[in-house]
Amino acid sequence: MLKHSLRWLTGLGAAGALIAASATPAVAAPAIEPYFQDATLAIGSEATMRGLLLYADEPTTLTDVSVRYDYRSLANKITVTPADGQKCTAPEPGVLVCTEPSDVVLYEMPPLGSGIYRNGAKRVHLGLTEDAQLGDSGDVAVSFQAAGGRQGSYTSRVRVGEGVDLAGGEFTNLSAKPGEEFTAPLVVVNAGDKTVNGFVAVFDLPYSIRTKDRFSNCRYSDDHLVSCQFDVDIPVGTGLATTLNLELAKDTYAPANHFGYVQFMTTADFEDLTRVRAAVGARAATPGSGPKLTLAEAPGRVRQADQTDVGLGNDYTGWTIKATGKNGTDLAAIGATLKGAAGAVVTATVGFRNNGPATLDNVSEEYEAAAHYDVELPPGTSAVEVPDACWLRQGTRTYQCASEMLLVAGQTYTMKFRLRIDKVIPNARGAVWVNAPCDCAGGGSFQDDIKPANDTATIVVNAAQGGGGQGDGGGGGGGSLPITGTPTNLIAGIGGLLLLAGVGSYLLARRRDTHFGA
């Protein structure tokens, strides 16, 4: 199955737009935003599973949670039944109430410091009755209640359609140098027993893959391709194909493999996934102004009814692009110079800069920090506030910090440590060490820095005459989350489809005291 499987589209993408649309709560408890994806159900096919997802912009735990599914507008057409063994009752026809067997803890979504917290209730099966007919549609109002009066609701649309089976072509190995153009095949096949009436190609492409084309039936975020919609029929047993003109960005890391994926969806499934975008006011990705991207019959039009893909697992294709040549990365540490009397609290803004020439990108595959760095506190100081992406090494005065997943060449990435000066020690020195070793679950730190001589910088408190340190420092301010160095028009394929804004989904989360510099 497609490794990515629109994982950001159904998760963080929804969260980003939902949270961005909500107001910051004035009370201590964070607001909870529920989301229950629309569904198109196929006559004669197995039931579809859906789950209520809960989002917040602060960590929180919900207790005594119950979820109510009100599908009375479709009571004789669909069934809603437990899928995960939860206890449920049906107080009246067309209503199902389920209780969660344990607390629902909302965990932070990647990357660290995203500011988005999510978890889900136990899932349910959505199925059709014998009375369901092609074209039926209605609403399912899903609401939750939890201890402390916490509650929320979301209304989802359910339609009755016909089942089809879209399949992608074979995976392809390609190669190019950073800054070089290449062509990639796009092949889709009707593997079912009904004609497919239109479909959408959804692109999950890394930062490095760009395009200059601007087809009118495709959507873009600057030079990143988001999706393409085709209003053509694919008869049973046939396929369609075209070739995409793409290129690797000049700041692509090399040598390395870069992976691009395409998932094919029916028009109705695409609508189910993206209808919420307009409802929360997300910006639309930009359609091209050129001619349409057309397809030819692959070797080997009117939309009549809503269709849903019932043959999931083969509905994707992809490319491995080998970036040839050599294009490395220099991460340079940034320290701080601080000054204050005993008892004063000062802010150390520390981190690193990606001097390039290449961008580091862990978004597409590992979903882990692209680098780690250590922050050693100067003697005579103690930490008052520490960024969420940092943790204390046991038995030391050193904090290990995780960076963002995407570190763009030419950008600076800093975090704020609030330090109390417990004792004035002239010229007290700590350190910042980028590319520090890390025994991390997702792998170690970046090991191939092309200029390790600048991997360290000092944090100096009350510098002696002529004994200053490297970097910026200052007092005041508060703690911060790690900044996102990713410009908001990047990572179009990661959540960009859902947002239809060409914005990396997690970038829509509210952030506190961030700093981003070129």
Protein backbone atom coordinates (compact mmCIF):
# COMPACT_ATOMS: atom_id res chain seq x y z
CA MET A 1 0.00 0.00 0.00
CA LEU A 2 1.17 3.53 -0.66
CA LYS A 3 3.44 4.37 2.26
CA HIS A 4 2.18 7.90 2.53
CA SER A 5 -1.45 7.00 1.79
CA LEU A 6 -2.45 10.64 2.02
CA ARG A 7 -1.35 10.45 5.63
CA TRP A 8 -1.02 14.19 6.01
CA LEU A 9 -4.12 14.81 3.97
CA THR A 10 -6.46 13.02 6.33
CA GLY A 11 -4.59 14.04 9.44
CA LEU A 12 -2.55 17.19 9.73
CA GLY A 13 -4.12 18.77 6.68
CA ALA A 14 -7.53 18.70 8.28
CA ALA A 15 -6.10 19.86 11.58
CA GLY A 16 -4.26 22.79 10.12
CA ALA A 17 -7.26 24.32 8.47
CA LEU A 18 -9.64 23.55 11.30
CA ILE A 19 -7.37 25.00 13.95
CA ALA A 20 -6.47 28.01 11.85
CA ALA A 21 -10.16 28.79 11.48
CA SER A 22 -10.91 28.65 15.19
CA ALA A 23 -10.46 31.45 17.69
CA THR A 24 -7.86 31.23 20.39
CA PRO A 25 -9.73 30.21 23.55
CA ALA A 26 -9.78 32.64 26.43
CA VAL A 27 -10.01 29.86 29.01
CA ALA A 28 -7.24 27.54 30.16
CA ALA A 29 -8.64 24.41 28.53
CA PRO A 30 -7.80 24.29 24.81
CA ALA A 31 -10.65 24.27 22.31
CA ILE A 32 -11.28 20.88 20.71
CA GLU A 33 -12.08 20.82 17.00
CA PRO A 34 -13.78 17.62 15.73
CA TYR A 35 -13.58 16.36 12.15
CA PHE A 36 -15.40 13.44 10.49
CA GLN A 37 -14.58 12.98 6.82
CA ASP A 38 -17.29 12.85 4.17
CA ALA A 39 -17.90 9.49 2.52
CA THR A 40 -19.25 8.09 -0.74
CA LEU A 41 -20.51 4.53 -0.26
CA ALA A 42 -20.72 2.04 -3.11
CA ILE A 43 -23.75 -0.17 -3.66
CA GLY A 44 -22.76 -3.82 -3.33
CA SER A 45 -19.44 -3.08 -1.62
CA GLU A 46 -18.19 -3.59 1.91
CA ALA A 47 -18.74 -0.95 4.56
CA THR A 48 -16.33 1.96 4.92
CA MET A 49 -14.63 2.77 8.21
CA ARG A 50 -14.56 6.32 9.54
CA GLY A 51 -13.43 7.77 12.83
CA LEU A 52 -14.03 11.04 14.63
CA LEU A 53 -10.72 12.93 14.81
CA LEU A 54 -10.19 15.47 17.58
CA TYR A 55 -7.74 18.37 17.28
CA ALA A 56 -6.40 20.98 19.67
CA ASP A 57 -3.56 23.48 19.71
CA GLU A 58 -2.46 22.42 23.20
CA PRO A 59 -1.92 18.98 24.74
CA THR A 60 -5.03 17.76 26.52
CA THR A 61 -6.72 14.64 27.85
CA LEU A 62 -10.44 13.97 27.51
CA THR A 63 -12.16 11.71 30.03
CA ASP A 64 -15.60 10.08 30.01
CA VAL A 65 -15.89 10.57 26.26
CA SER A 66 -19.02 9.60 24.36
CA VAL A 67 -19.65 10.05 20.65
CA ARG A 68 -23.09 10.42 19.09
CA TYR A 69 -23.77 9.65 15.42
CA ASP A 70 -27.03 11.12 14.15
CA TYR A 71 -27.83 9.77 10.68
CA ARG A 72 -31.62 10.10 10.78
CA SER A 73 -31.66 11.79 7.36
CA LEU A 74 -30.33 8.46 6.00
CA ALA A 75 -31.81 6.10 8.58
CA ASN A 76 -33.28 3.74 5.99
CA LYS A 77 -30.34 4.07 3.64
CA ILE A 78 -27.16 3.58 5.69
CA THR A 79 -26.06 1.71 8.77
CA VAL A 80 -23.61 2.92 11.42
CA THR A 81 -22.11 0.14 13.57
CA PRO A 82 -19.11 -0.16 15.93
CA ALA A 83 -15.83 -1.10 14.26
CA ASP A 84 -13.38 -1.20 17.19
CA GLY A 85 -15.27 -3.06 19.89
CA GLN A 86 -16.55 -0.01 21.75
CA LYS A 87 -19.79 -0.12 23.71
CA CYS A 88 -22.66 1.49 21.77
CA THR A 89 -26.39 1.91 22.12
CA ALA A 90 -29.12 2.96 19.67
CA PRO A 91 -31.51 5.19 21.65
CA GLU A 92 -33.66 5.73 18.54
CA PRO A 93 -33.64 4.79 14.84
CA GLY A 94 -30.85 6.57 13.01
CA VAL A 95 -28.85 7.37 16.15
CA LEU A 96 -25.84 5.54 17.62
CA VAL A 97 -24.11 6.55 20.87
CA CYS A 98 -20.72 5.04 21.72
CA THR A 99 -18.59 5.40 24.83
CA GLU A 100 -14.81 5.41 24.77
CA PRO A 101 -13.31 2.66 26.95
CA SER A 102 -10.47 4.91 28.15
CA ASP A 103 -9.28 8.49 28.19
CA VAL A 104 -8.55 10.13 24.84
CA VAL A 105 -5.13 11.78 24.96
CA LEU A 106 -4.38 14.29 22.23
CA TYR A 107 -0.76 13.88 21.19
CA GLU A 108 1.37 16.32 19.26
CA MET A 109 1.62 15.58 15.56
CA PRO A 110 4.99 15.60 13.78
CA PRO A 111 7.17 17.51 13.43
CA LEU A 112 8.10 18.35 17.00
CA GLY A 113 6.74 21.75 17.86
CA SER A 114 4.03 21.59 15.23
CA GLY A 115 1.52 22.98 17.71
CA ILE A 116 -1.13 20.51 16.52
CA TYR A 117 -2.41 17.81 18.88
CA ARG A 118 -4.63 15.01 17.65
CA ASN A 119 -6.23 11.71 18.50
CA GLY A 120 -9.33 9.87 17.43
CA ALA A 121 -12.33 8.13 18.90
CA LYS A 122 -12.98 4.49 18.15
CA ARG A 123 -14.11 4.02 14.57
CA VAL A 124 -17.44 2.97 13.11
CA HIS A 125 -18.54 1.14 9.97
CA LEU A 126 -20.63 3.08 7.44
CA GLY A 127 -22.61 0.67 5.29
CA LEU A 128 -25.64 0.65 2.99
CA THR A 129 -29.03 -0.97 3.45
CA GLU A 130 -30.97 -2.73 0.72
CA ASP A 131 -33.10 0.39 0.35
CA ALA A 132 -30.16 2.57 -0.65
CA GLN A 133 -30.27 3.81 -4.23
CA LEU A 134 -27.74 5.45 -6.48
CA GLY A 135 -27.85 9.20 -5.89
CA ASP A 136 -29.10 9.11 -2.29
CA SER A 137 -27.35 11.53 0.02
CA GLY A 138 -27.69 12.96 3.49
CA ASP A 139 -25.84 14.14 6.57
CA VAL A 140 -24.27 12.42 9.56
CA ALA A 141 -23.99 14.78 12.52
CA VAL A 142 -21.19 13.54 14.78
CA SER A 143 -20.84 15.07 18.24
CA PHE A 144 -18.80 14.27 21.32
CA GLN A 145 -19.12 15.01 25.03
CA ALA A 146 -16.46 14.71 27.71
CA ALA A 147 -16.03 15.48 31.38
CA GLY A 148 -15.96 19.12 32.34
CA GLY A 149 -18.59 20.10 29.80
CA ARG A 150 -16.23 19.76 26.87
CA GLN A 151 -18.08 19.08 23.65
CA GLY A 152 -18.16 19.70 19.90
CA SER A 153 -19.82 18.57 16.70
CA TYR A 154 -19.17 18.19 13.00
CA THR A 155 -21.63 17.45 10.18
CA SER A 156 -20.39 15.13 7.47
CA ARG A 157 -21.97 14.35 4.10
CA VAL A 158 -22.63 10.77 2.98
CA ARG A 159 -23.54 9.88 -0.61
CA VAL A 160 -24.52 6.65 -2.34
CA GLY A 161 -22.53 5.95 -5.50
CA GLU A 162 -21.11 3.14 -7.57
CA GLY A 163 -17.82 1.36 -7.01
CA VAL A 164 -14.90 1.51 -9.43
CA ASP A 165 -11.25 0.49 -9.23
CA LEU A 166 -8.47 2.88 -10.25
CA ALA A 167 -4.94 1.52 -10.45
CA GLY A 168 -1.61 3.28 -10.96
CA GLY A 169 1.18 2.33 -13.32
CA GLU A 170 4.47 0.75 -12.35
CA PHE A 171 6.99 2.58 -10.20
CA THR A 172 9.80 4.19 -12.19
CA ASN A 173 13.47 4.87 -11.52
CA LEU A 174 14.77 8.18 -12.85
CA SER A 175 17.84 10.38 -12.36
CA ALA A 176 18.80 14.05 -12.64
CA LYS A 177 21.30 16.55 -11.31
CA PRO A 178 20.23 19.37 -8.98
CA GLY A 179 18.75 22.08 -11.19
CA GLU A 180 18.18 19.66 -14.08
CA GLU A 181 14.88 18.87 -15.80
CA PHE A 182 13.52 15.34 -16.23
CA THR A 183 10.34 13.66 -17.43
CA ALA A 184 8.17 11.34 -15.37
CA PRO A 185 5.43 9.00 -16.63
CA LEU A 186 1.88 9.25 -15.28
CA VAL A 187 -0.23 6.14 -15.96
CA VAL A 188 -3.66 5.25 -14.60
CA VAL A 189 -5.69 2.11 -15.37
CA ASN A 190 -9.33 1.09 -14.89
CA ALA A 191 -8.93 -2.25 -13.10
CA GLY A 192 -12.64 -2.58 -12.27
CA ASP A 193 -15.80 -3.64 -14.10
CA LYS A 194 -17.38 -0.19 -14.56
CA THR A 195 -16.33 2.79 -16.64
CA VAL A 196 -14.57 5.45 -14.56
CA ASN A 197 -16.13 8.88 -15.15
CA GLY A 198 -13.38 11.32 -14.34
CA PHE A 199 -10.64 11.18 -11.72
CA VAL A 200 -8.06 13.28 -9.87
CA ALA A 201 -4.32 12.76 -9.58
CA VAL A 202 -3.07 13.86 -6.17
CA PHE A 203 0.67 14.55 -5.95
CA ASP A 204 2.75 13.89 -2.88
CA LEU A 205 6.06 15.43 -3.91
CA PRO A 206 9.05 16.49 -1.83
CA TYR A 207 10.46 19.98 -1.60
CA SER A 208 13.00 19.16 -4.31
CA ILE A 209 10.60 18.32 -7.16
CA ARG A 210 9.30 21.34 -9.10
CA THR A 211 7.56 22.16 -12.37
CA LYS A 212 7.31 25.16 -14.68
CA ASP A 213 4.16 23.92 -16.44
CA ARG A 214 0.86 25.61 -15.66
CA PHE A 215 -1.94 23.41 -16.96
CA SER A 216 -5.44 24.80 -16.47
CA ASN A 217 -6.77 21.54 -14.99
CA CYS A 218 -3.98 21.37 -12.39
CA ARG A 219 -3.37 23.32 -9.19
CA TYR A 220 -0.05 24.70 -8.06
CA SER A 221 1.70 26.37 -5.19
CA ASP A 222 4.32 28.46 -6.95
CA ASP A 223 6.36 25.79 -8.76
CA HIS A 224 5.00 22.85 -6.75
CA LEU A 225 2.36 20.62 -8.35
CA VAL A 226 -0.57 19.84 -6.03
CA SER A 227 -3.24 18.02 -8.07
CA CYS A 228 -4.70 17.57 -11.56
CA GLN A 229 -8.34 16.84 -12.39
CA PHE A 230 -9.38 14.95 -15.52
CA ASP A 231 -12.97 14.92 -16.83
CA VAL A 232 -12.46 11.92 -19.08
CA ASP A 233 -13.82 8.37 -19.08
CA ILE A 234 -11.61 5.32 -18.65
CA PRO A 235 -13.38 2.26 -20.10
CA VAL A 236 -13.03 -1.07 -18.36
CA GLY A 237 -9.66 -2.70 -18.96
CA THR A 238 -8.03 0.37 -20.47
CA GLY A 239 -5.66 3.02 -19.22
CA LEU A 240 -4.51 6.56 -19.89
CA ALA A 241 -1.03 8.02 -19.79
CA THR A 242 0.92 11.25 -20.10
CA THR A 243 4.37 12.59 -19.32
CA LEU A 244 5.12 15.29 -16.76
CA ASN A 245 7.97 17.76 -17.18
CA LEU A 246 9.60 18.15 -13.78
CA GLU A 247 12.92 19.32 -12.41
CA LEU A 248 15.07 19.04 -9.32
CA ALA A 249 15.58 22.29 -7.43
CA LYS A 250 19.09 23.71 -7.46
CA ASP A 251 19.32 23.22 -3.68
CA THR A 252 18.47 19.50 -3.87
CA TYR A 253 20.74 17.37 -1.70
CA ALA A 254 22.95 15.03 -3.72
CA PRO A 255 23.80 12.27 -4.06
CA ALA A 256 20.52 10.99 -2.64
CA ASN A 257 17.25 9.39 -3.68
CA HIS A 258 14.16 11.59 -3.77
CA PHE A 259 10.70 10.02 -3.96
CA GLY A 260 7.52 11.28 -5.60
CA TYR A 261 4.10 9.67 -5.33
CA VAL A 262 0.77 10.07 -7.09
CA GLN A 263 -2.54 8.77 -5.79
CA PHE A 264 -5.54 8.46 -8.10
CA MET A 265 -8.97 9.24 -6.70
CA THR A 266 -12.47 9.34 -8.10
CA THR A 267 -13.97 12.79 -8.37
CA ALA A 268 -16.37 12.03 -5.51
CA ASP A 269 -13.62 10.69 -3.23
CA PHE A 270 -11.60 13.83 -3.92
CA GLU A 271 -14.61 15.97 -3.03
CA ASP A 272 -15.10 13.98 0.18
CA LEU A 273 -11.52 14.70 1.15
CA THR A 274 -11.47 18.40 0.32
CA ARG A 275 -14.96 19.82 0.88
CA VAL A 276 -14.01 20.98 4.38
CA ARG A 277 -11.32 23.28 2.98
CA ALA A 278 -13.79 25.83 1.66
CA ALA A 279 -15.91 25.56 4.80
CA VAL A 280 -13.05 26.77 7.00
CA GLY A 281 -11.91 29.45 4.60
CA ALA A 282 -8.68 27.84 3.37
CA ARG A 283 -7.10 29.57 0.40
CA ALA A 284 -7.31 27.77 -2.91
CA ALA A 285 -4.23 26.57 -4.70
CA THR A 286 -3.68 28.39 -7.95
CA PRO A 287 -4.98 26.77 -11.14
CA GLY A 288 -2.77 27.06 -14.19
CA SER A 289 -3.58 29.46 -17.01
CA GLY A 290 -2.20 27.36 -19.85
CA PRO A 291 -3.74 24.54 -21.88
CA LYS A 292 -5.15 21.41 -20.26
CA LEU A 293 -2.92 18.50 -19.39
CA THR A 294 -4.22 15.76 -21.66
CA LEU A 295 -3.95 12.00 -21.56
CA ALA A 296 -3.46 9.48 -24.32
CA GLU A 297 -4.54 5.86 -24.37
CA ALA A 298 -2.04 3.91 -22.33
CA PRO A 299 -0.28 1.01 -24.03
CA GLY A 300 -1.70 -2.36 -23.24
CA ARG A 301 -17.86 12.24 -20.43
CA VAL A 302 -19.92 13.01 -18.72
CA ARG A 303 -20.06 12.12 -15.03
CA GLN A 304 -23.09 9.84 -14.73
CA ALA A 305 -23.04 9.15 -10.98
CA ASP A 306 -20.90 9.64 -7.90
CA GLN A 307 -18.20 6.98 -7.80
CA THR A 308 -15.90 5.70 -5.09
CA ASP A 309 -12.77 3.58 -5.39
CA VAL A 310 -13.45 0.18 -3.81
CA GLY A 311 -10.15 -1.38 -4.89
CA LEU A 312 -7.86 0.61 -2.60
CA GLY A 313 -4.26 -0.52 -2.37
CA ASN A 314 -3.40 -0.26 -6.07
CA ASP A 315 -4.49 3.31 -6.70
CA TYR A 316 -1.05 4.92 -6.75
CA THR A 317 2.22 5.11 -8.59
CA GLY A 318 5.54 6.75 -7.92
CA TRP A 319 9.06 7.58 -8.97
CA THR A 320 12.48 7.28 -7.40
CA ILE A 321 14.62 10.15 -8.64
CA LYS A 322 18.31 9.68 -8.05
CA ALA A 323 19.93 13.07 -7.55
CA THR A 324 23.38 12.70 -9.08
CA GLY A 325 26.52 14.74 -8.52
CA LYS A 326 27.47 16.29 -5.19
CA ASN A 327 25.53 19.03 -3.40
CA GLY A 328 26.06 19.10 0.36
CA THR A 329 24.98 21.09 3.40
CA ASP A 330 26.77 23.25 5.97
CA LEU A 331 24.90 23.78 9.24
CA ALA A 332 26.56 26.53 11.31
CA ALA A 333 25.83 26.88 15.03
CA ILE A 334 24.53 30.16 16.49
CA GLY A 335 25.39 31.03 20.09
CA ALA A 336 24.47 33.99 22.30
CA THR A 337 25.99 36.69 24.49
CA LEU A 338 23.99 37.49 27.64
CA LYS A 339 24.36 39.90 30.52
CA GLY A 340 22.57 40.27 33.83
CA ALA A 341 22.78 40.47 37.59
CA ALA A 342 22.22 37.60 39.98
CA GLY A 343 18.53 36.64 39.93
CA ALA A 344 17.90 38.13 36.47
CA VAL A 345 16.17 36.04 33.79
CA VAL A 346 17.62 36.43 30.30
CA THR A 347 16.76 34.93 26.93
CA ALA A 348 19.29 33.02 24.86
CA THR A 349 18.25 32.80 21.22
CA VAL A 350 20.33 29.94 19.86
CA GLY A 351 20.29 27.47 17.01
CA PHE A 352 21.91 27.28 13.61
CA ARG A 353 21.86 28.47 10.01
CA ASN A 354 21.76 26.27 6.92
CA ASN A 355 24.50 27.82 4.82
CA GLY A 356 23.68 25.43 1.98
CA PRO A 357 24.17 24.93 -0.80
CA ALA A 358 21.64 22.10 -0.27
CA THR A 359 18.38 21.90 1.65
CA LEU A 360 17.91 19.02 4.11
CA ASP A 361 14.51 17.34 3.71
CA ASN A 362 13.20 14.62 6.00
CA VAL A 363 9.53 15.37 5.33
CA SER A 364 8.91 12.87 2.57
CA GLU A 365 10.22 9.72 4.15
CA GLU A 366 11.43 9.63 7.73
CA TYR A 367 9.17 12.28 9.30
CA GLU A 368 11.98 12.93 11.74
CA ALA A 369 14.10 15.94 12.56
CA ALA A 370 16.63 16.71 9.84
CA ALA A 371 19.26 17.52 12.49
CA HIS A 372 19.78 17.62 16.24
CA TYR A 373 21.78 20.01 18.35
CA ASP A 374 22.91 20.30 21.95
CA VAL A 375 22.57 23.38 24.15
CA GLU A 376 24.86 23.31 27.18
CA LEU A 377 23.92 25.82 29.88
CA PRO A 378 26.68 28.11 31.13
CA PRO A 379 27.74 27.58 34.76
CA GLY A 380 25.87 29.74 37.23
CA THR A 381 22.64 29.58 35.22
CA SER A 382 19.53 27.40 35.27
CA ALA A 383 16.75 26.93 32.75
CA VAL A 384 13.44 28.64 33.50
CA GLU A 385 11.73 27.87 30.18
CA VAL A 386 12.87 25.38 27.55
CA PRO A 387 11.48 24.88 24.00
CA ASP A 388 9.14 21.93 23.56
CA ALA A 389 11.51 20.30 21.08
CA CYS A 390 14.32 20.03 23.65
CA TRP A 391 14.93 17.57 26.46
CA LEU A 392 17.56 17.35 29.18
CA ARG A 393 20.26 14.75 28.77
CA GLN A 394 20.16 12.69 31.94
CA GLY A 395 22.76 13.68 34.51
CA THR A 396 23.94 16.73 32.54
CA ARG A 397 23.31 20.44 32.05
CA THR A 398 22.87 19.87 28.33
CA TYR A 399 19.60 19.90 26.41
CA GLN A 400 19.24 17.98 23.16
CA CYS A 401 17.00 19.67 20.61
CA ALA A 402 15.30 18.39 17.46
CA SER A 403 15.14 20.59 14.39
CA GLU A 404 12.37 20.89 11.84
CA MET A 405 12.07 18.19 9.19
CA LEU A 406 12.85 20.63 6.38
CA LEU A 407 15.91 22.87 6.66
CA VAL A 408 15.98 25.23 3.69
CA ALA A 409 19.32 26.47 2.40
CA GLY A 410 19.92 30.09 3.40
CA GLN A 411 17.51 30.04 6.36
CA THR A 412 18.18 30.48 10.07
CA TYR A 413 16.58 28.24 12.73
CA THR A 414 16.60 29.41 16.34
CA MET A 415 14.87 28.69 19.64
CA LYS A 416 14.66 30.65 22.88
CA PHE A 417 15.93 29.41 26.22
CA ARG A 418 14.95 31.45 29.29
CA LEU A 419 17.85 31.31 31.73
CA ARG A 420 18.07 32.57 35.30
CA ILE A 421 21.45 33.87 36.42
CA ASP A 422 21.80 32.16 39.79
CA LYS A 423 25.34 33.37 40.36
CA VAL A 424 27.40 35.93 38.48
CA ILE A 425 30.44 34.16 37.05
CA PRO A 426 32.44 36.41 34.72
CA ASN A 427 32.75 34.98 31.23
CA ALA A 428 30.63 31.91 32.06
CA ARG A 429 30.52 29.78 28.93
CA GLY A 430 28.08 27.24 27.60
CA ALA A 431 27.85 25.90 24.07
CA VAL A 432 25.65 25.13 21.09
CA TRP A 433 26.63 22.08 19.08
CA VAL A 434 24.74 21.40 15.86
CA ASN A 435 24.91 17.87 14.42
CA ALA A 436 25.41 16.55 17.92
CA PRO A 437 25.13 12.75 18.30
CA CYS A 438 21.61 11.62 19.10
CA ASP A 439 20.35 8.24 20.22
CA CYS A 440 16.94 8.93 18.70
CA ALA A 441 14.16 6.49 17.88
CA GLY A 442 13.97 7.80 14.32
CA GLY A 443 17.73 7.67 13.72
CA GLY A 444 20.77 9.73 14.58
CA SER A 445 21.66 13.26 13.64
CA PHE A 446 22.95 14.60 10.33
CA GLN A 447 26.46 13.22 9.84
CA ASP A 448 27.66 14.68 6.54
CA ASP A 449 28.14 18.39 7.27
CA ILE A 450 30.57 19.78 4.70
CA LYS A 451 32.10 22.29 7.16
CA PRO A 452 32.19 20.79 10.66
CA ALA A 453 34.50 23.56 11.92
CA ASN A 454 31.50 25.86 12.51
CA ASP A 455 29.28 23.21 14.17
CA THR A 456 29.87 24.76 17.60
CA ALA A 457 29.29 28.21 19.07
CA THR A 458 29.46 29.61 22.59
CA ILE A 459 26.85 30.95 24.98
CA VAL A 460 28.59 33.57 27.12
CA VAL A 461 27.07 35.15 30.24
CA ASN A 462 28.60 38.36 31.58
CA ALA A 463 31.52 38.31 29.21
CA ALA A 464 34.81 39.62 30.48
CA GLN A 465 36.36 42.51 28.54
CA GLY A 466 36.99 41.21 25.04
CA GLY A 467 35.59 37.78 25.93
CA GLY A 468 32.30 37.77 24.04
CA GLY A 469 30.72 34.77 22.39
CA GLN A 470 29.21 34.06 19.02
CA GLY A 471 25.66 34.85 18.02
CA ASP A 472 22.88 37.03 19.34
CA GLY A 473 21.55 37.30 22.87
CA GLY A 474 19.16 39.38 24.90
CA GLY A 475 16.73 39.56 27.74
CA GLY A 476 12.98 39.50 28.09
CA GLY A 477 10.52 37.60 25.97
CA GLY A 478 9.19 34.12 26.59
CA GLY A 479 9.88 30.54 25.64
CA SER A 480 9.19 29.46 22.10
CA LEU A 481 8.44 26.55 19.90
CA PRO A 482 11.03 25.67 17.28
CA ILE A 483 10.54 27.88 14.28
CA THR A 484 9.45 26.48 11.00
CA GLY A 485 11.96 27.56 8.45
CA THR A 486 9.77 26.30 5.65
CA PRO A 487 8.25 29.13 3.61
CA THR A 488 4.49 28.73 3.55
CA ASN A 489 4.40 28.00 -0.16
CA LEU A 490 6.44 24.83 0.11
CA ILE A 491 5.73 21.14 0.68
CA ALA A 492 2.70 21.43 -1.57
CA GLY A 493 2.11 17.72 -1.75
CA ILE A 494 2.17 17.26 2.01
CA GLY A 495 -1.22 18.44 3.15
CA GLY A 496 -1.33 21.03 0.38
CA LEU A 497 -4.04 19.13 -1.41
CA LEU A 498 -6.36 19.18 1.57
CA LEU A 499 -5.68 22.79 2.24
CA LEU A 500 -5.83 23.53 -1.48
CA ALA A 501 -3.61 26.39 -0.51
CA GLY A 502 -0.17 25.10 -1.36
CA VAL A 503 0.69 25.47 2.31
CA GLY A 504 2.39 22.72 4.29
CA SER A 505 -0.43 21.61 6.55
CA TYR A 506 1.34 21.90 9.85
CA LEU A 507 2.33 25.45 9.03
CA LEU A 508 -1.26 26.53 9.60
CA ALA A 509 -1.04 25.62 13.27
CA ARG A 510 -0.83 28.60 15.59
CA ARG A 511 2.70 29.12 16.84
CA ARG A 512 4.08 31.05 19.78
CA ASP A 513 7.08 33.37 19.74
CA THR A 514 8.57 32.01 16.55
CA HIS A 515 11.53 33.46 14.73
CA PHE A 516 12.40 32.97 11.08
CA GLY A 517 15.18 34.77 9.31
CA ALA A 518 16.80 34.69 5.91
